[in-house]
Amino acid sequence: MSTNFGEYFLREEEIAVHTAYFKNLLQYLPQEEQQQLQKANGATDAQIESLLEIFPQSPQSFIELLQDVNGTYHCKHGQETISVLVLGSDLGDYPYYLKAVEQILADAQHQRETIFERYQDFLEYVDIDNRVNMHVPLNERLCFADCMNNGGTSSLYLDFSPAEGGKMGQVVRYVHDPDSFEVIASSFDEYLQQLVEGEYEFTALYEEEF
């Protein structure tokens, strides 16, 4: 059963921690982006089940985020197409889109090579966090966010097969040119908390536009 984001504003007592992320985000967004999020639908039970078939270790906080809003990356929600930058990373005010279940699963069909295979001829020029296992296929990590440059410059992953010293479910930030893979949070919950404590720094882009 899908969830309409706007309903939460009528039932504030039912707002959980994951919902508070979006609720608090709204105050930092221009009116147009606020309205887009309020029109968005959450992922259905069937969509969540299909995601868990491929990524059974997906954290509950991430699932709940998708149940609120099933993607903001040029996603169709009813008659509306949603394009709202709602996430950030350790790159300061650089923003990201949340990917929908369908987009996540489509990504999992590709990028079967490992980090080592992709960069083996010039590994010395790639910064790879020692908590990231370079011998795990890229598509075994759940890509949940692409940057404002359609993912060409940076993407965010949930990593379920870390190297020694890493943690299952850690958040990895990829950035291009110079390429790097960096662990930016030990869990998705910690990642969201960083964004909240940083007062949604990535929304500075919208301030520049208005």
Protein backbone atom coordinates (compact mmCIF):
# COMPACT_ATOMS: atom_id res chain seq x y z
CA MET A 1 0.00 0.00 0.00
CA SER A 2 1.53 3.34 -1.05
CA THR A 3 1.65 6.39 1.19
CA ASN A 4 0.91 9.96 0.15
CA PHE A 5 3.51 12.26 1.68
CA GLY A 6 1.04 15.05 2.35
CA GLU A 7 -1.06 12.87 4.64
CA TYR A 8 1.61 13.06 7.33
CA PHE A 9 0.92 16.73 7.84
CA LEU A 10 -2.62 15.84 8.91
CA ARG A 11 -1.45 13.12 11.28
CA GLU A 12 1.57 14.64 12.97
CA GLU A 13 1.33 12.33 15.95
CA GLU A 14 2.12 9.41 13.63
CA ILE A 15 5.32 10.92 12.25
CA ALA A 16 8.28 8.65 12.93
CA VAL A 17 11.97 9.50 12.83
CA HIS A 18 12.34 8.73 9.13
CA THR A 19 9.36 10.92 8.27
CA ALA A 20 10.81 13.77 10.30
CA TYR A 21 13.70 13.88 7.84
CA PHE A 22 11.41 14.98 5.02
CA LYS A 23 9.23 17.10 7.26
CA ASN A 24 12.21 19.11 8.49
CA LEU A 25 13.68 19.31 5.00
CA LEU A 26 10.64 21.18 3.68
CA GLN A 27 11.49 24.36 5.55
CA TYR A 28 14.75 24.60 3.60
CA LEU A 29 13.16 24.14 0.16
CA PRO A 30 11.48 26.66 -2.18
CA GLN A 31 7.71 26.41 -2.49
CA GLU A 32 7.80 24.59 -5.83
CA GLU A 33 9.98 21.79 -4.45
CA GLN A 34 7.83 21.57 -1.32
CA GLN A 35 4.74 21.10 -3.47
CA GLN A 36 6.44 18.40 -5.52
CA LEU A 37 7.30 16.38 -2.42
CA GLN A 38 3.78 16.76 -1.06
CA LYS A 39 2.46 15.20 -4.27
CA ALA A 40 4.86 12.27 -4.15
CA ASN A 41 3.81 8.70 -3.34
CA GLY A 42 5.69 6.12 -1.35
CA ALA A 43 6.88 2.74 -2.60
CA THR A 44 4.25 0.00 -2.52
CA ASP A 45 4.60 -3.22 -0.56
CA ALA A 46 5.27 -5.07 -3.82
CA GLN A 47 8.04 -2.64 -4.74
CA ILE A 48 9.66 -2.98 -1.33
CA GLU A 49 9.47 -6.77 -1.60
CA SER A 50 11.19 -6.67 -4.98
CA LEU A 51 13.94 -4.50 -3.51
CA LEU A 52 14.45 -6.83 -0.55
CA GLU A 53 14.75 -9.81 -2.88
CA ILE A 54 17.90 -8.26 -4.33
CA PHE A 55 19.10 -6.36 -1.26
CA PRO A 56 17.73 -8.24 1.77
CA GLN A 57 20.06 -6.38 4.13
CA SER A 58 18.57 -2.96 3.33
CA PRO A 59 18.21 -1.05 6.63
CA GLN A 60 14.74 -0.30 7.92
CA SER A 61 15.40 3.45 7.95
CA PHE A 62 16.11 3.34 4.23
CA ILE A 63 13.00 1.27 3.51
CA GLU A 64 10.89 3.73 5.47
CA LEU A 65 12.34 6.65 3.52
CA LEU A 66 11.22 4.98 0.28
CA GLN A 67 7.82 4.25 1.79
CA ASP A 68 7.46 8.00 2.28
CA VAL A 69 8.76 9.09 -1.14
CA ASN A 70 9.63 6.55 -3.82
CA GLY A 71 12.31 8.57 -5.50
CA THR A 72 12.92 12.19 -6.45
CA TYR A 73 15.19 11.53 -9.44
CA HIS A 74 12.91 12.52 -12.36
CA CYS A 75 10.33 10.08 -10.97
CA LYS A 76 6.71 9.72 -12.03
CA HIS A 77 4.24 10.05 -9.15
CA GLY A 78 0.72 9.81 -10.53
CA GLN A 79 0.45 12.56 -13.11
CA GLU A 80 3.43 14.45 -11.67
CA THR A 81 7.14 14.05 -12.40
CA ILE A 82 9.21 14.77 -9.31
CA SER A 83 12.73 16.24 -9.54
CA VAL A 84 13.91 17.40 -6.12
CA LEU A 85 17.41 17.29 -4.63
CA VAL A 86 16.83 15.88 -1.14
CA LEU A 87 20.14 14.37 -0.01
CA GLY A 88 23.74 15.41 0.55
CA SER A 89 27.14 13.94 1.35
CA ASP A 90 30.50 14.94 2.76
CA LEU A 91 30.95 17.23 -0.24
CA GLY A 92 29.36 20.16 1.60
CA ASP A 93 26.56 21.83 -0.32
CA TYR A 94 26.65 19.38 -3.24
CA PRO A 95 23.13 17.84 -3.56
CA TYR A 96 21.74 14.45 -4.62
CA TYR A 97 18.45 12.92 -5.75
CA LEU A 98 16.91 9.93 -3.95
CA LYS A 99 16.50 7.07 -6.41
CA ALA A 100 13.24 5.12 -6.73
CA VAL A 101 13.02 1.36 -6.22
CA GLU A 102 12.72 0.82 -9.97
CA GLN A 103 15.87 2.84 -10.63
CA ILE A 104 17.80 1.01 -7.92
CA LEU A 105 16.85 -2.38 -9.36
CA ALA A 106 17.71 -1.28 -12.90
CA ASP A 107 21.18 -0.27 -11.68
CA ALA A 108 21.63 -3.68 -10.10
CA GLN A 109 21.42 -5.26 -13.56
CA HIS A 110 24.56 -3.42 -14.65
CA GLN A 111 28.02 -2.54 -13.34
CA ARG A 112 29.00 -6.15 -12.72
CA GLU A 113 32.71 -5.32 -12.72
CA THR A 114 34.62 -4.75 -9.50
CA ILE A 115 36.44 -1.56 -8.55
CA PHE A 116 39.70 -3.43 -9.10
CA GLU A 117 38.68 -4.54 -12.59
CA ARG A 118 37.57 -1.04 -13.56
CA TYR A 119 40.75 0.69 -12.38
CA GLN A 120 43.39 -2.04 -12.40
CA ASP A 121 45.60 -0.22 -14.90
CA PHE A 122 45.74 2.98 -12.85
CA LEU A 123 44.85 2.05 -9.27
CA GLU A 124 47.52 4.39 -7.95
CA TYR A 125 45.42 7.31 -9.16
CA VAL A 126 42.22 6.18 -7.42
CA ASP A 127 41.54 6.89 -3.75
CA ILE A 128 39.87 3.79 -2.26
CA ASP A 129 38.97 3.76 1.43
CA ASN A 130 40.52 0.67 3.05
CA ARG A 131 37.07 -0.19 4.43
CA VAL A 132 35.78 -0.70 0.86
CA ASN A 133 36.33 -4.12 -0.73
CA MET A 134 37.57 -3.41 -4.26
CA HIS A 135 36.96 -7.02 -5.31
CA VAL A 136 33.17 -6.96 -4.81
CA PRO A 137 31.08 -6.26 -7.97
CA LEU A 138 29.82 -2.70 -7.99
CA ASN A 139 26.22 -3.80 -8.46
CA GLU A 140 26.26 -5.65 -5.12
CA ARG A 141 26.20 -2.22 -3.51
CA LEU A 142 22.84 -0.47 -3.46
CA CYS A 143 23.10 2.86 -5.30
CA PHE A 144 20.47 4.99 -3.55
CA ALA A 145 21.41 8.48 -4.73
CA ASP A 146 22.82 10.23 -7.78
CA CYS A 147 24.13 13.76 -7.72
CA MET A 148 22.67 16.78 -9.50
CA ASN A 149 24.88 15.93 -12.47
CA ASN A 150 22.81 12.78 -13.10
CA GLY A 151 25.27 10.65 -11.20
CA GLY A 152 28.13 11.32 -13.57
CA THR A 153 30.10 13.14 -10.90
CA SER A 154 29.03 11.45 -7.67
CA SER A 155 26.79 8.66 -6.35
CA LEU A 156 26.02 7.21 -2.92
CA TYR A 157 25.92 3.50 -2.06
CA LEU A 158 24.88 1.20 0.75
CA ASP A 159 27.72 -1.29 1.07
CA PHE A 160 26.79 -4.75 2.33
CA SER A 161 30.16 -6.41 1.67
CA PRO A 162 32.77 -4.20 3.34
CA ALA A 163 36.46 -4.90 3.65
CA GLU A 164 38.00 -5.75 7.02
CA GLY A 165 37.55 -2.79 9.32
CA GLY A 166 34.37 -1.68 7.58
CA LYS A 167 30.77 -2.18 8.68
CA MET A 168 27.93 -3.92 6.85
CA GLY A 169 25.55 -1.23 5.64
CA GLN A 170 28.14 1.54 5.58
CA VAL A 171 27.52 4.48 3.23
CA VAL A 172 30.07 4.92 0.46
CA ARG A 173 30.42 8.09 -1.57
CA TYR A 174 31.84 7.79 -5.09
CA VAL A 175 33.18 10.87 -6.82
CA HIS A 176 34.65 11.21 -10.31
CA ASP A 177 37.80 13.00 -11.48
CA PRO A 178 39.84 12.29 -9.51
CA ASP A 179 37.94 9.09 -8.77
CA SER A 180 37.50 8.00 -5.17
CA PHE A 181 35.40 5.70 -3.00
CA GLU A 182 35.07 6.98 0.55
CA VAL A 183 33.09 5.68 3.54
CA ILE A 184 31.18 8.69 4.87
CA ALA A 185 29.00 6.98 7.51
CA SER A 186 28.97 3.61 9.25
CA SER A 187 25.21 3.21 8.71
CA PHE A 188 22.30 4.80 6.88
CA ASP A 189 20.89 6.11 10.17
CA GLU A 190 24.18 7.82 10.93
CA TYR A 191 24.24 9.25 7.41
CA LEU A 192 20.77 10.81 7.78
CA GLN A 193 21.70 12.18 11.20
CA GLN A 194 24.72 13.90 9.67
CA LEU A 195 22.50 15.65 7.14
CA VAL A 196 20.06 16.77 9.81
CA GLU A 197 22.81 18.03 12.10
CA GLY A 198 24.33 19.86 9.14
CA GLU A 199 20.99 21.64 8.68
CA TYR A 200 20.53 20.21 5.19
CA GLU A 201 23.57 22.07 3.88
CA PHE A 202 22.98 20.75 0.36
CA THR A 203 19.89 22.97 0.02
CA ALA A 204 22.20 25.99 -0.36
CA LEU A 205 21.78 25.44 -4.10
CA TYR A 206 18.16 26.52 -3.87
CA GLU A 207 19.14 29.61 -1.89
CA GLU A 208 21.44 30.62 -4.73
CA GLU A 209 18.60 30.33 -7.23
CA PHE A 210 16.14 32.49 -5.31
